[in-house]
Amino acid sequence: MVDSLITPRKPFVLLSTRPEDEAAAAEFVSFRSKMGLASDGIIQIRLEERPLGRLDLRDYSGIILGGSPFNSSDQHKSDLQRRVESDIALMLDEVLDRDFPLFGACYGVGSIGTAIGATIDDTYGEKPKVVDITLVKEDRLLEGLPQRFASIVGHKEAITLLPEVADLLATGADCPTQMFRVQDNIYATQFHPELAPDAFEQRLRIYANAGYYEPQELQDILDTTRGVNLTIDDRILLNFARRYAR
């Protein structure tokens, strides 16, 4: 629970790549809520709707890169996916050059990982579920978190080899790279700190036929959220907003 909403002079910008209106809208609400931002504290750009162009970083407090049905390691990519990946890659060139604040959840691992030369494939993919995340290094975004906490995952690809340019911050039993930092201000999580159980269920139903799980597995997946405290990882996004709001 946030005591008072954060109202930055310059908004954060959420870059979404979800073609489903319901999923894109829910993602926006999830990030705004978990970051503790006022209604005008974050805006959304849907990259599947239009080219990004050059993002003037001076206009924003920071960038949020949301999840996506795209995978960086896909063998066959549509023209839309190639255009979105090109837009993000150009944006990341400037972000990395300036060490500009960016937080990427799930798809951010593939995008940032590609930019820094990580090895990304399906070795450590995880079906949607609740898992334990273990912190392995201290960081300002992790202040207030215990060494182990629960969070939500669901991804077909992951990093198998993280280059030395990045600092590993968190790991998991089935996926070694669950969170990393590049330079001082660029972060990515394989897990979804923006998701609450209701938003998780909504997303599962939207992507029921996307190959993340078999239809008969839905209830078992939902059961993994029962009786688990899924609010601990809220602190990560709140720390990000508080640190970089300007």
Protein backbone atom coordinates (compact mmCIF):
# COMPACT_ATOMS: atom_id res chain seq x y z
CA MET A 1 0.00 0.00 0.00
CA VAL A 2 1.44 3.36 -1.07
CA ASP A 3 0.96 6.15 1.48
CA SER A 4 0.73 8.85 -1.20
CA LEU A 5 0.85 8.71 -4.98
CA ILE A 6 4.01 9.76 -6.77
CA THR A 7 3.50 12.69 -9.12
CA PRO A 8 6.63 13.24 -11.21
CA ARG A 9 6.97 16.39 -13.29
CA LYS A 10 8.04 14.17 -16.16
CA PRO A 11 6.04 10.97 -16.63
CA PHE A 12 7.40 7.49 -17.01
CA VAL A 13 6.66 5.88 -20.37
CA LEU A 14 5.44 2.29 -20.74
CA LEU A 15 6.36 0.67 -24.04
CA SER A 16 3.85 -2.09 -24.74
CA THR A 17 3.79 -4.64 -27.54
CA ARG A 18 0.54 -6.45 -26.79
CA PRO A 19 -1.94 -6.39 -29.72
CA GLU A 20 -4.87 -7.35 -27.48
CA ASP A 21 -6.53 -4.17 -26.19
CA GLU A 22 -7.59 -5.85 -22.95
CA ALA A 23 -4.08 -7.09 -22.21
CA ALA A 24 -2.46 -3.75 -23.06
CA ALA A 25 -4.89 -1.82 -20.87
CA ALA A 26 -4.45 -4.21 -17.95
CA GLU A 27 -0.65 -3.99 -18.24
CA PHE A 28 -0.83 -0.20 -18.02
CA VAL A 29 -3.00 -0.34 -14.90
CA SER A 30 -0.74 -2.94 -13.28
CA PHE A 31 2.44 -0.92 -13.73
CA ARG A 32 0.84 2.36 -12.67
CA SER A 33 -0.58 0.73 -9.54
CA LYS A 34 2.57 -1.12 -8.47
CA MET A 35 4.73 1.95 -9.10
CA GLY A 36 2.44 4.05 -6.92
CA LEU A 37 1.99 6.67 -9.65
CA ALA A 38 -0.73 9.27 -10.03
CA SER A 39 -2.86 8.96 -13.18
CA ASP A 40 -0.64 11.33 -15.15
CA GLY A 41 2.59 9.82 -13.82
CA ILE A 42 2.91 7.31 -16.66
CA ILE A 43 1.90 7.20 -20.31
CA GLN A 44 1.69 4.24 -22.66
CA ILE A 45 2.99 3.82 -26.19
CA ARG A 46 1.79 0.70 -27.98
CA LEU A 47 4.55 -0.30 -30.36
CA GLU A 48 2.37 -2.75 -32.26
CA GLU A 49 0.18 0.18 -33.32
CA ARG A 50 2.82 2.58 -34.62
CA PRO A 51 6.59 2.98 -35.01
CA LEU A 52 8.33 4.40 -31.97
CA GLY A 53 10.53 6.85 -33.80
CA ARG A 54 13.13 8.63 -31.74
CA LEU A 55 12.08 8.82 -28.09
CA ASP A 56 13.29 12.08 -26.56
CA LEU A 57 14.55 10.84 -23.21
CA ARG A 58 14.54 14.37 -21.81
CA ASP A 59 10.74 14.18 -21.69
CA TYR A 60 10.56 11.22 -19.29
CA SER A 61 11.59 10.14 -15.82
CA GLY A 62 12.27 6.63 -17.03
CA ILE A 63 11.18 3.86 -19.38
CA ILE A 64 9.18 0.72 -18.61
CA LEU A 65 9.38 -2.09 -21.14
CA GLY A 66 6.41 -4.38 -20.64
CA GLY A 67 5.86 -8.00 -21.59
CA SER A 68 5.12 -9.28 -25.07
CA PRO A 69 3.93 -12.30 -27.05
CA PHE A 70 7.17 -11.86 -29.04
CA ASN A 71 10.36 -13.76 -28.20
CA SER A 72 13.79 -12.45 -29.12
CA SER A 73 14.95 -15.98 -30.01
CA ASP A 74 12.00 -16.76 -32.32
CA GLN A 75 13.20 -18.48 -35.51
CA HIS A 76 10.41 -17.05 -37.62
CA LYS A 77 9.35 -13.45 -37.09
CA SER A 78 6.57 -11.40 -38.63
CA ASP A 79 7.24 -8.03 -40.23
CA LEU A 80 5.58 -6.44 -37.19
CA GLN A 81 7.88 -8.24 -34.75
CA ARG A 82 10.95 -7.27 -36.75
CA ARG A 83 9.88 -3.62 -36.82
CA VAL A 84 9.15 -3.59 -33.06
CA GLU A 85 12.49 -5.21 -32.29
CA SER A 86 14.27 -2.68 -34.51
CA ASP A 87 12.52 0.21 -32.73
CA ILE A 88 13.46 -1.15 -29.31
CA ALA A 89 17.05 -1.83 -30.36
CA LEU A 90 17.52 1.76 -31.54
CA MET A 91 16.01 3.07 -28.32
CA LEU A 92 18.26 0.80 -26.25
CA ASP A 93 21.35 2.09 -28.04
CA GLU A 94 20.69 5.54 -26.57
CA VAL A 95 19.52 4.18 -23.20
CA LEU A 96 22.74 2.20 -22.81
CA ASP A 97 24.87 5.08 -24.03
CA ARG A 98 23.33 7.43 -21.45
CA ASP A 99 22.66 4.84 -18.72
CA PHE A 100 19.09 6.14 -18.74
CA PRO A 101 16.65 4.61 -16.21
CA LEU A 102 14.82 1.64 -17.73
CA PHE A 103 12.97 -1.28 -16.20
CA GLY A 104 12.07 -4.25 -18.39
CA ALA A 105 9.80 -7.06 -17.21
CA CYS A 106 10.00 -10.44 -18.98
CA TYR A 107 10.30 -9.22 -22.59
CA GLY A 108 12.84 -6.73 -21.26
CA VAL A 109 15.18 -9.63 -20.49
CA GLY A 110 15.22 -10.64 -24.15
CA SER A 111 15.50 -7.08 -25.45
CA ILE A 112 18.18 -5.85 -23.07
CA GLY A 113 19.89 -9.24 -23.12
CA THR A 114 20.16 -9.10 -26.90
CA ALA A 115 21.59 -5.58 -26.74
CA ILE A 116 24.38 -6.63 -24.35
CA GLY A 117 25.23 -9.90 -26.08
CA ALA A 118 23.57 -12.39 -23.75
CA THR A 119 22.77 -15.92 -24.93
CA ILE A 120 18.98 -16.28 -25.08
CA ASP A 121 17.11 -19.48 -25.90
CA ASP A 122 14.40 -21.83 -24.58
CA THR A 123 16.64 -23.75 -22.16
CA TYR A 124 15.22 -22.09 -19.06
CA GLY A 125 11.68 -21.29 -20.17
CA GLU A 126 9.06 -21.58 -17.42
CA LYS A 127 5.36 -22.30 -17.69
CA PRO A 128 3.12 -19.75 -15.96
CA LYS A 129 3.25 -20.25 -12.19
CA VAL A 130 4.38 -18.80 -8.89
CA VAL A 131 8.05 -19.41 -8.09
CA ASP A 132 10.55 -18.46 -5.40
CA ILE A 133 13.00 -15.73 -6.32
CA THR A 134 16.32 -15.60 -4.46
CA LEU A 135 18.38 -12.41 -4.25
CA VAL A 136 22.12 -12.85 -4.79
CA LYS A 137 23.35 -9.27 -4.65
CA GLU A 138 22.32 -6.06 -2.92
CA ASP A 139 20.87 -3.23 -4.98
CA ARG A 140 18.94 -0.03 -4.35
CA LEU A 141 15.88 -1.42 -6.14
CA LEU A 142 15.87 -4.37 -3.76
CA GLU A 143 15.82 -2.37 -0.54
CA GLY A 144 13.14 -3.66 1.81
CA LEU A 145 12.93 -7.14 0.24
CA PRO A 146 13.80 -10.40 2.01
CA GLN A 147 16.39 -12.65 0.42
CA ARG A 148 13.63 -14.94 -0.87
CA PHE A 149 10.13 -14.05 -2.02
CA ALA A 150 7.41 -15.31 -4.36
CA SER A 151 6.64 -13.90 -7.78
CA ILE A 152 4.91 -14.84 -11.03
CA VAL A 153 6.65 -16.15 -14.15
CA GLY A 154 5.63 -17.36 -17.58
CA HIS A 155 8.12 -17.23 -20.45
CA LYS A 156 9.27 -19.36 -23.38
CA GLU A 157 12.83 -18.02 -23.48
CA ALA A 158 15.40 -16.86 -20.95
CA ILE A 159 19.07 -16.03 -20.60
CA THR A 160 21.41 -19.02 -20.53
CA LEU A 161 24.60 -16.95 -20.42
CA LEU A 162 24.70 -13.46 -18.90
CA PRO A 163 27.73 -11.45 -20.01
CA GLU A 164 30.05 -9.84 -17.48
CA VAL A 165 28.79 -6.37 -18.41
CA ALA A 166 25.65 -7.17 -16.38
CA ASP A 167 25.27 -7.81 -12.63
CA LEU A 168 23.10 -10.77 -11.65
CA LEU A 169 20.73 -9.66 -8.87
CA ALA A 170 18.31 -12.58 -8.48
CA THR A 171 17.99 -16.20 -9.48
CA GLY A 172 15.49 -19.07 -9.35
CA ALA A 173 15.52 -22.84 -9.11
CA ASP A 174 14.51 -23.41 -12.74
CA CYS A 175 15.78 -20.18 -14.31
CA PRO A 176 19.23 -18.91 -13.27
CA THR A 177 18.80 -15.31 -14.46
CA GLN A 178 15.69 -13.83 -12.85
CA MET A 179 16.93 -10.24 -12.47
CA PHE A 180 19.96 -8.28 -13.60
CA ARG A 181 21.28 -4.73 -13.83
CA VAL A 182 23.36 -3.11 -16.55
CA GLN A 183 25.47 -0.12 -15.56
CA ASP A 184 23.72 1.77 -12.74
CA ASN A 185 20.18 2.41 -13.96
CA ILE A 186 19.06 -0.29 -16.40
CA TYR A 187 17.18 -3.27 -14.97
CA ALA A 188 15.37 -6.37 -16.19
CA THR A 189 13.38 -9.07 -14.44
CA GLN A 190 12.32 -12.40 -15.89
CA PHE A 191 9.51 -12.51 -13.34
CA HIS A 192 6.53 -10.14 -13.32
CA PRO A 193 6.57 -7.80 -10.29
CA GLU A 194 3.66 -5.87 -11.83
CA LEU A 195 1.21 -8.78 -11.65
CA ALA A 196 -1.33 -9.46 -8.93
CA PRO A 197 -3.29 -12.77 -8.93
CA ASP A 198 -6.36 -11.30 -10.64
CA ALA A 199 -4.28 -9.70 -13.39
CA PHE A 200 -2.34 -12.97 -13.76
CA GLU A 201 -5.57 -14.92 -14.27
CA GLN A 202 -6.82 -12.37 -16.81
CA ARG A 203 -3.58 -12.61 -18.77
CA LEU A 204 -3.65 -16.42 -18.71
CA ARG A 205 -7.13 -16.41 -20.20
CA ILE A 206 -6.19 -13.88 -22.88
CA TYR A 207 -3.20 -15.98 -23.95
CA ALA A 208 -4.90 -19.35 -23.50
CA ASN A 209 -4.01 -20.41 -27.04
CA ALA A 210 -0.53 -18.91 -27.23
CA GLY A 211 1.34 -22.04 -26.21
CA TYR A 212 2.31 -21.01 -22.68
CA TYR A 213 0.30 -23.83 -21.10
CA GLU A 214 -2.19 -26.58 -21.92
CA PRO A 215 -5.88 -25.76 -21.30
CA GLN A 216 -6.22 -28.49 -18.67
CA GLU A 217 -3.38 -26.89 -16.67
CA LEU A 218 -5.17 -23.59 -16.03
CA GLN A 219 -6.65 -24.40 -12.64
CA ASP A 220 -3.43 -25.93 -11.36
CA ILE A 221 -1.58 -22.76 -12.39
CA LEU A 222 -4.12 -20.55 -10.65
CA ASP A 223 -3.83 -22.71 -7.54
CA THR A 224 -0.14 -21.75 -7.24
CA THR A 225 -1.27 -18.23 -6.29
CA ARG A 226 -3.44 -19.40 -3.38
CA GLY A 227 -2.17 -18.59 0.09
CA VAL A 228 1.01 -16.96 -1.26
CA ASN A 229 2.05 -13.39 -0.50
CA LEU A 230 2.48 -11.86 -3.95
CA THR A 231 2.84 -8.29 -2.71
CA ILE A 232 6.46 -8.48 -1.56
CA ASP A 233 7.87 -7.86 -5.05
CA ASP A 234 5.74 -4.70 -5.30
CA ARG A 235 8.65 -2.98 -3.59
CA ILE A 236 10.85 -3.32 -6.70
CA LEU A 237 8.69 -1.17 -8.96
CA LEU A 238 7.91 1.25 -6.15
CA ASN A 239 11.64 1.66 -5.49
CA PHE A 240 12.20 2.29 -9.18
CA ALA A 241 9.52 4.98 -9.30
CA ARG A 242 10.70 6.67 -6.14
CA ARG A 243 14.32 6.65 -7.22
CA TYR A 244 13.86 8.03 -10.72
CA ALA A 245 10.76 10.24 -10.59
CA ARG A 246 11.80 13.79 -11.49
